[in-house]
Amino acid sequence: MKILNVLKANDTENPENNVYLVVSKKFKSEYFSKKIERKLQSNNEDREHIPVVLLSNRKYALCLDNKFIADLKSFPGFTVTVEKRSEKLNYKD
């Protein structure tokens, strides 16, 4: 049996634009080793959102939480751009 987490990005004005990201248990087992889990600073609720950013095409994130920002920037094997203000992100790339 394959266990999946389904994460949903809501677009309340245009429900047809809702994005569903399915993160399999295999992904978590490959990238979230016990060593990495111990080094994460963010709370458990925020950790569910780390795969959303890591699996996205651009790997951009807007966040005000310093611990979550540190987790994203230091996650091994991925290069993520995280900013607190949207105007600092280069959307044209």
C-alpha atoms as a PDB file:
ATOM      1  CA  MET A   1       0.000   0.000   0.000  1.00  0.00           C
ATOM      2  CA  LYS A   2       1.384   3.393  -1.013  1.00  0.00           C
ATOM      3  CA  ILE A   3       0.814   6.215   1.456  1.00  0.00           C
ATOM      4  CA  LEU A   4       0.512   9.701  -0.009  1.00  0.00           C
ATOM      5  CA  ASN A   5       0.237  13.168   1.435  1.00  0.00           C
ATOM      6  CA  VAL A   6      -1.835  15.514  -0.680  1.00  0.00           C
ATOM      7  CA  LEU A   7      -1.039  19.178  -0.281  1.00  0.00           C
ATOM      8  CA  LYS A   8      -3.415  21.697  -1.804  1.00  0.00           C
ATOM      9  CA  ALA A   9      -2.760  25.308  -2.782  1.00  0.00           C
ATOM     10  CA  ASN A  10      -6.127  27.078  -2.707  1.00  0.00           C
ATOM     11  CA  ASP A  11      -7.177  29.707  -5.191  1.00  0.00           C
ATOM     12  CA  THR A  12     -10.481  30.872  -3.745  1.00  0.00           C
ATOM     13  CA  GLU A  13     -11.350  33.166  -6.672  1.00  0.00           C
ATOM     14  CA  ASN A  14     -10.647  30.547  -9.356  1.00  0.00           C
ATOM     15  CA  PRO A  15     -11.127  27.051  -7.925  1.00  0.00           C
ATOM     16  CA  GLU A  16     -10.160  25.476 -11.269  1.00  0.00           C
ATOM     17  CA  ASN A  17      -6.608  26.791 -10.662  1.00  0.00           C
ATOM     18  CA  ASN A  18      -6.143  24.826  -7.433  1.00  0.00           C
ATOM     19  CA  VAL A  19      -2.864  22.957  -7.372  1.00  0.00           C
ATOM     20  CA  TYR A  20      -2.508  19.538  -5.809  1.00  0.00           C
ATOM     21  CA  LEU A  21       0.923  18.180  -5.014  1.00  0.00           C
ATOM     22  CA  VAL A  22       1.215  14.573  -4.044  1.00  0.00           C
ATOM     23  CA  VAL A  23       4.232  13.709  -1.945  1.00  0.00           C
ATOM     24  CA  SER A  24       4.828  10.012  -1.584  1.00  0.00           C
ATOM     25  CA  LYS A  25       6.214   8.334   1.472  1.00  0.00           C
ATOM     26  CA  LYS A  26       9.158   7.279  -0.708  1.00  0.00           C
ATOM     27  CA  PHE A  27      10.184  10.920  -1.253  1.00  0.00           C
ATOM     28  CA  LYS A  28      10.098  11.594   2.451  1.00  0.00           C
ATOM     29  CA  SER A  29      12.062   8.462   3.258  1.00  0.00           C
ATOM     30  CA  GLU A  30      14.744   9.381   0.692  1.00  0.00           C
ATOM     31  CA  TYR A  31      15.221  13.015   1.663  1.00  0.00           C
ATOM     32  CA  PHE A  32      14.079  13.229   5.291  1.00  0.00           C
ATOM     33  CA  SER A  33      16.602  11.010   7.025  1.00  0.00           C
ATOM     34  CA  LYS A  34      16.768  10.997  10.813  1.00  0.00           C
ATOM     35  CA  LYS A  35      19.910  13.130  10.638  1.00  0.00           C
ATOM     36  CA  ILE A  36      18.146  15.783   8.547  1.00  0.00           C
ATOM     37  CA  GLU A  37      15.035  15.615  10.758  1.00  0.00           C
ATOM     38  CA  ARG A  38      17.171  16.374  13.827  1.00  0.00           C
ATOM     39  CA  LYS A  39      18.741  19.404  12.129  1.00  0.00           C
ATOM     40  CA  LEU A  40      15.417  20.962  11.091  1.00  0.00           C
ATOM     41  CA  GLN A  41      14.520  24.028  13.120  1.00  0.00           C
ATOM     42  CA  SER A  42      10.946  24.624  11.978  1.00  0.00           C
ATOM     43  CA  ASN A  43       7.907  23.131  13.700  1.00  0.00           C
ATOM     44  CA  ASN A  44       6.199  19.953  12.497  1.00  0.00           C
ATOM     45  CA  GLU A  45       3.385  21.804  10.738  1.00  0.00           C
ATOM     46  CA  ASP A  46       5.887  23.748   8.622  1.00  0.00           C
ATOM     47  CA  ARG A  47       7.869  20.641   7.743  1.00  0.00           C
ATOM     48  CA  GLU A  48       4.943  19.386   5.675  1.00  0.00           C
ATOM     49  CA  HIS A  49       5.508  22.342   3.336  1.00  0.00           C
ATOM     50  CA  ILE A  50       9.207  21.705   2.691  1.00  0.00           C
ATOM     51  CA  PRO A  51       8.530  19.147  -0.111  1.00  0.00           C
ATOM     52  CA  VAL A  52       6.163  21.613  -1.788  1.00  0.00           C
ATOM     53  CA  VAL A  53       9.016  24.066  -2.287  1.00  0.00           C
ATOM     54  CA  LEU A  54      11.641  21.420  -3.046  1.00  0.00           C
ATOM     55  CA  LEU A  55       9.529  19.781  -5.767  1.00  0.00           C
ATOM     56  CA  SER A  56       8.410  23.023  -7.396  1.00  0.00           C
ATOM     57  CA  ASN A  57       9.914  24.053 -10.736  1.00  0.00           C
ATOM     58  CA  ARG A  58      11.364  27.388  -9.632  1.00  0.00           C
ATOM     59  CA  LYS A  59      12.023  26.528  -5.976  1.00  0.00           C
ATOM     60  CA  TYR A  60      10.902  29.988  -4.803  1.00  0.00           C
ATOM     61  CA  ALA A  61       9.299  30.654  -1.437  1.00  0.00           C
ATOM     62  CA  LEU A  62       7.925  33.677   0.403  1.00  0.00           C
ATOM     63  CA  CYS A  63       8.137  33.279   4.138  1.00  0.00           C
ATOM     64  CA  LEU A  64       8.431  35.351   7.302  1.00  0.00           C
ATOM     65  CA  ASP A  65       9.398  32.470   9.589  1.00  0.00           C
ATOM     66  CA  ASN A  66      13.186  32.571  10.118  1.00  0.00           C
ATOM     67  CA  LYS A  67      13.401  28.923  11.179  1.00  0.00           C
ATOM     68  CA  PHE A  68      11.516  27.726   8.107  1.00  0.00           C
ATOM     69  CA  ILE A  69      13.732  29.920   5.908  1.00  0.00           C
ATOM     70  CA  ALA A  70      16.842  28.376   7.489  1.00  0.00           C
ATOM     71  CA  ASP A  71      15.493  24.869   6.864  1.00  0.00           C
ATOM     72  CA  LEU A  72      14.786  25.567   3.196  1.00  0.00           C
ATOM     73  CA  LYS A  73      18.129  27.235   2.527  1.00  0.00           C
ATOM     74  CA  SER A  74      20.155  24.537   4.263  1.00  0.00           C
ATOM     75  CA  PHE A  75      18.291  21.481   2.940  1.00  0.00           C
ATOM     76  CA  PRO A  76      20.928  19.233   1.324  1.00  0.00           C
ATOM     77  CA  GLY A  77      20.766  18.576  -2.404  1.00  0.00           C
ATOM     78  CA  PHE A  78      18.463  21.513  -3.262  1.00  0.00           C
ATOM     79  CA  THR A  79      19.009  25.184  -4.033  1.00  0.00           C
ATOM     80  CA  VAL A  80      16.022  27.237  -2.908  1.00  0.00           C
ATOM     81  CA  THR A  81      15.412  30.971  -3.187  1.00  0.00           C
ATOM     82  CA  VAL A  82      13.578  32.262  -0.116  1.00  0.00           C
ATOM     83  CA  GLU A  83      12.667  35.886   0.510  1.00  0.00           C
ATOM     84  CA  LYS A  84      10.509  37.738   2.982  1.00  0.00           C
ATOM     85  CA  ARG A  85       9.284  40.241   0.385  1.00  0.00           C
ATOM     86  CA  SER A  86       7.931  39.373  -3.049  1.00  0.00           C
ATOM     87  CA  GLU A  87       9.691  42.223  -4.858  1.00  0.00           C
ATOM     88  CA  LYS A  88      13.050  40.630  -4.025  1.00  0.00           C
ATOM     89  CA  LEU A  89      12.231  37.485  -6.030  1.00  0.00           C
ATOM     90  CA  ASN A  90      13.241  37.420  -9.692  1.00  0.00           C
ATOM     91  CA  TYR A  91      10.111  35.959 -11.329  1.00  0.00           C
ATOM     92  CA  LYS A  92      11.439  36.372 -14.869  1.00  0.00           C
ATOM     93  CA  ASP A  93      13.871  33.435 -14.648  1.00  0.00           C
END
